[in-house]
Protein backbone atom coordinates (compact mmCIF):
# COMPACT_ATOMS: atom_id res chain seq x y z
CA MET A 1 0.00 0.00 0.00
CA LYS A 2 1.38 3.39 -1.02
CA ILE A 3 2.42 5.70 1.80
CA GLN A 4 0.92 9.15 1.30
CA LYS A 5 3.01 12.33 1.47
CA THR A 6 1.55 13.40 4.82
CA GLN A 7 2.57 10.03 6.23
CA LEU A 8 6.05 10.31 4.71
CA ASP A 9 6.44 13.74 6.25
CA ASN A 10 5.44 12.31 9.62
CA ILE A 11 7.88 9.41 9.27
CA GLU A 12 10.75 11.86 8.77
CA LYS A 13 9.55 14.26 11.45
CA VAL A 14 9.17 11.65 14.18
CA THR A 15 12.37 9.77 13.31
CA LEU A 16 14.45 12.96 13.17
CA SER A 17 12.90 14.26 16.39
CA HIS A 18 14.05 11.07 18.08
CA TYR A 19 17.63 11.68 16.96
CA ASP A 20 17.50 15.39 17.79
CA ASN A 21 16.25 14.61 21.29
CA ASN A 22 18.80 11.85 21.88
CA ALA A 23 21.81 13.28 20.04
CA SER A 24 24.17 13.31 23.00
CA SER A 25 23.40 9.76 24.15
CA PHE A 26 23.63 8.55 20.55
CA TRP A 27 27.09 10.07 20.26
CA HIS A 28 28.34 8.50 23.45
CA GLY A 29 26.82 5.16 22.48
CA THR A 30 28.34 5.00 18.99
CA LYS A 31 31.54 7.05 18.94
CA ASP A 32 33.71 4.06 19.86
CA HIS A 33 32.05 1.48 17.59
CA ASP A 34 34.61 -0.49 15.62
CA VAL A 35 33.75 0.04 11.95
CA LYS A 36 37.26 -0.44 10.53
CA GLN A 37 35.98 -3.33 8.41
CA ASN A 38 33.54 -0.94 6.72
CA TYR A 39 36.17 1.77 6.22
CA HIS A 40 38.49 -0.78 4.62
CA ALA A 41 35.82 -2.27 2.35
CA PHE A 42 34.97 1.22 1.09
CA LEU A 43 38.42 2.79 0.74
CA ARG A 44 40.17 -0.20 -0.83
CA GLN A 45 38.10 0.35 -3.97
CA PHE A 46 40.18 3.46 -4.72
CA PRO A 47 43.84 3.87 -5.73
CA ASP A 48 46.25 4.07 -2.80
CA GLY A 49 47.15 7.61 -1.87
CA LYS A 50 44.28 9.27 -3.73
CA SER A 51 42.59 12.08 -1.81
CA LEU A 52 38.86 11.54 -2.17
CA ASP A 53 35.73 13.65 -2.15
CA ILE A 54 33.46 11.60 0.12
CA LEU A 55 29.82 12.13 1.06
CA ASP A 56 29.02 10.69 4.48
CA PHE A 57 25.30 10.08 4.01
CA GLY A 58 23.59 10.11 7.39
CA CYS A 59 26.73 11.36 9.08
CA GLY A 60 25.32 11.62 12.59
CA PRO A 61 27.61 13.49 15.01
CA GLY A 62 30.64 13.09 12.74
CA ARG A 63 32.57 9.98 13.79
CA ASP A 64 33.19 8.75 10.25
CA ILE A 65 33.81 12.23 8.80
CA HIS A 66 36.54 12.68 11.41
CA TYR A 67 38.15 9.41 10.36
CA PHE A 68 38.08 10.18 6.63
CA LYS A 69 39.52 13.64 7.24
CA SER A 70 42.31 12.12 9.34
CA GLN A 71 43.22 9.94 6.34
CA GLY A 72 43.69 12.96 4.06
CA HIS A 73 40.31 12.89 2.33
CA ARG A 74 37.78 15.70 1.82
CA PRO A 75 34.58 14.45 3.47
CA VAL A 76 31.25 16.25 3.41
CA GLY A 77 28.56 15.21 5.86
CA LEU A 78 24.81 15.06 5.31
CA ASP A 79 22.12 14.47 7.89
CA GLY A 80 18.48 15.34 8.47
CA SER A 81 18.99 15.94 12.18
CA LYS A 82 19.93 19.54 12.94
CA ALA A 83 21.45 18.48 16.25
CA PHE A 84 23.70 15.96 14.49
CA CYS A 85 24.72 18.51 11.84
CA ASP A 86 25.73 21.01 14.52
CA MET A 87 27.71 18.35 16.40
CA ALA A 88 29.43 17.10 13.22
CA LEU A 89 30.42 20.63 12.20
CA SER A 90 31.82 21.38 15.65
CA TYR A 91 33.70 18.06 15.83
CA THR A 92 35.20 18.01 12.34
CA GLY A 93 35.15 21.51 10.85
CA CYS A 94 34.03 19.95 7.56
CA GLU A 95 31.16 21.00 5.32
CA ILE A 96 27.90 19.57 6.62
CA LEU A 97 24.68 19.53 4.61
CA HIS A 98 21.43 19.68 6.58
CA GLN A 99 19.12 17.79 4.22
CA GLN A 100 16.34 15.30 4.77
CA PHE A 101 16.69 12.05 2.88
CA LEU A 102 13.36 12.37 1.06
CA SER A 103 14.12 15.86 -0.29
CA LEU A 104 17.76 15.73 -1.34
CA SER A 105 19.42 18.45 -3.38
CA LEU A 106 22.86 17.23 -4.40
CA PRO A 107 25.20 18.48 -7.15
CA LYS A 108 25.83 16.25 -10.14
CA GLU A 109 29.04 14.17 -10.16
CA ARG A 110 30.41 15.84 -7.03
CA PHE A 111 31.77 12.86 -5.11
CA ASP A 112 34.18 9.97 -5.65
CA GLY A 113 32.41 7.87 -3.03
CA ILE A 114 29.44 7.77 -0.69
CA PHE A 115 29.64 6.18 2.75
CA ALA A 116 26.12 5.37 3.98
CA ASN A 117 26.64 3.62 7.30
CA ALA A 118 23.39 2.76 9.15
CA SER A 119 21.33 5.37 7.31
CA LEU A 120 19.56 4.06 4.19
CA PHE A 121 17.35 1.73 6.20
CA HIS A 122 15.40 4.73 7.50
CA ILE A 123 14.03 5.34 3.98
CA PRO A 124 10.62 3.77 3.25
CA SER A 125 10.96 1.16 0.51
CA GLN A 126 8.74 3.05 -1.94
CA GLU A 127 11.10 6.06 -1.73
CA LEU A 128 14.36 4.09 -1.92
CA PRO A 129 14.59 4.10 -5.75
CA ALA A 130 14.46 7.91 -5.87
CA VAL A 131 17.05 8.30 -3.11
CA LEU A 132 19.42 5.80 -4.74
CA LEU A 133 19.04 7.63 -8.04
CA ALA A 134 19.99 10.92 -6.35
CA LEU A 135 23.07 9.24 -4.86
CA HIS A 136 23.94 7.73 -8.24
CA GLN A 137 23.75 11.15 -9.89
CA THR A 138 25.99 12.86 -7.32
CA LEU A 139 28.72 10.24 -7.82
CA ARG A 140 31.38 10.68 -10.45
CA PRO A 141 31.71 7.99 -13.14
CA GLY A 142 32.88 4.76 -11.52
CA GLY A 143 32.13 6.15 -8.06
CA VAL A 144 31.62 3.83 -5.08
CA LEU A 145 28.61 3.52 -2.79
CA PHE A 146 29.08 1.74 0.53
CA SER A 147 25.99 0.92 2.58
CA SER A 148 25.51 -0.94 5.83
CA ASN A 149 22.05 -1.60 7.22
CA PRO A 150 20.28 -3.97 9.58
CA ARG A 151 18.87 -6.78 7.47
CA GLY A 152 15.52 -8.51 7.59
CA ASN A 153 12.11 -8.70 5.94
CA ALA A 154 10.08 -6.02 7.65
CA GLU A 155 9.17 -2.36 7.41
CA GLY A 156 7.62 -0.04 9.94
CA TRP A 157 8.09 1.61 13.29
CA SER A 158 10.50 0.55 16.01
CA GLY A 159 9.70 2.92 18.82
CA GLN A 160 10.07 6.43 17.38
CA ARG A 161 12.22 5.36 14.45
CA TYR A 162 11.00 4.10 11.10
CA GLY A 163 12.99 1.34 9.46
CA CYS A 164 12.97 -0.75 6.30
CA TYR A 165 14.84 -4.03 6.72
CA ILE A 166 15.72 -6.04 3.61
CA GLU A 167 18.07 -8.89 2.75
CA PHE A 168 20.86 -8.92 0.18
CA GLU A 169 18.84 -10.11 -2.82
CA ALA A 170 16.33 -7.26 -2.50
CA THR A 171 19.10 -4.77 -1.79
CA GLN A 172 20.89 -5.84 -4.96
CA GLN A 173 17.71 -5.40 -7.00
CA TYR A 174 17.25 -1.84 -5.77
CA LEU A 175 20.89 -1.01 -6.48
CA ASN A 176 20.83 -2.55 -9.96
CA ALA A 177 17.69 -0.61 -10.86
CA ALA A 178 19.37 2.65 -9.80
CA GLY A 179 22.42 2.04 -11.98
CA PHE A 180 24.81 0.41 -9.52
CA THR A 181 26.73 -2.84 -9.83
CA VAL A 182 27.33 -4.75 -6.60
CA ILE A 183 30.94 -5.86 -6.23
CA GLU A 184 30.99 -7.17 -2.66
CA HIS A 185 28.78 -7.85 0.32
CA TYR A 186 29.32 -9.26 3.80
CA TYR A 187 27.64 -9.59 7.17
CA ARG A 188 28.57 -8.13 10.53
CA PRO A 189 29.85 -8.63 13.13
CA GLU A 190 32.67 -10.85 11.93
CA GLY A 191 33.38 -14.28 13.35
CA VAL A 192 29.90 -15.26 14.56
CA PRO A 193 27.16 -17.46 13.04
CA PHE A 194 24.96 -15.95 10.33
CA ALA A 195 21.98 -15.82 12.67
CA GLU A 196 23.98 -13.52 14.94
CA GLN A 197 24.98 -11.12 12.13
CA PRO A 198 22.20 -8.51 11.91
CA TRP A 199 24.14 -6.11 9.67
CA LEU A 200 24.43 -6.35 5.88
CA ALA A 201 27.19 -4.34 4.19
CA VAL A 202 27.22 -3.82 0.43
CA VAL A 203 29.82 -2.21 -1.82
CA SER A 204 28.71 -1.15 -5.29
CA THR A 205 29.93 1.03 -8.12
CA LYS A 206 28.21 3.48 -10.45
CA ARG A 207 27.95 2.11 -13.95
């Protein structure tokens, strides 16, 4: 059943209000997460030593922007939460775009890569094709999209946050339709049985 615009607006409003109201606790709860596997999977797609223009899509308070900047890259953050944008700007000094996912305004062929860690799953499935197309258009030819999301077969509210949980096959279909080619995927955390790996990471390139 199609979600109407008023409902989409409410999904974004309530989800973003949750993050705005819990920004500090979110920062303290996630700033020390070990995501080196994701950094490596993303950055190894590029030539060694190349300084990259990276869009951190759903940047939160700026943990990953800070890392990319420390590696000599030129990251730009994007988040729908004003509180997160303010925190990311203060923490990193990098350009931060305050944009909601369902109303993106991104320049064409601006970025070498997009790092979307734990962000795309907040987009309702019916809106995902349009968002992926916007990300495809802001990537340069051959650009890389990294995404990591909780997997599953459900969509709806979890408390005050909306989530869309899909498995690899469906993820690949969405990416293919938007003009991406999947080159790698894996499950996290490492070293545990599949049933205990709730996170799906996918690396794809713009074709």
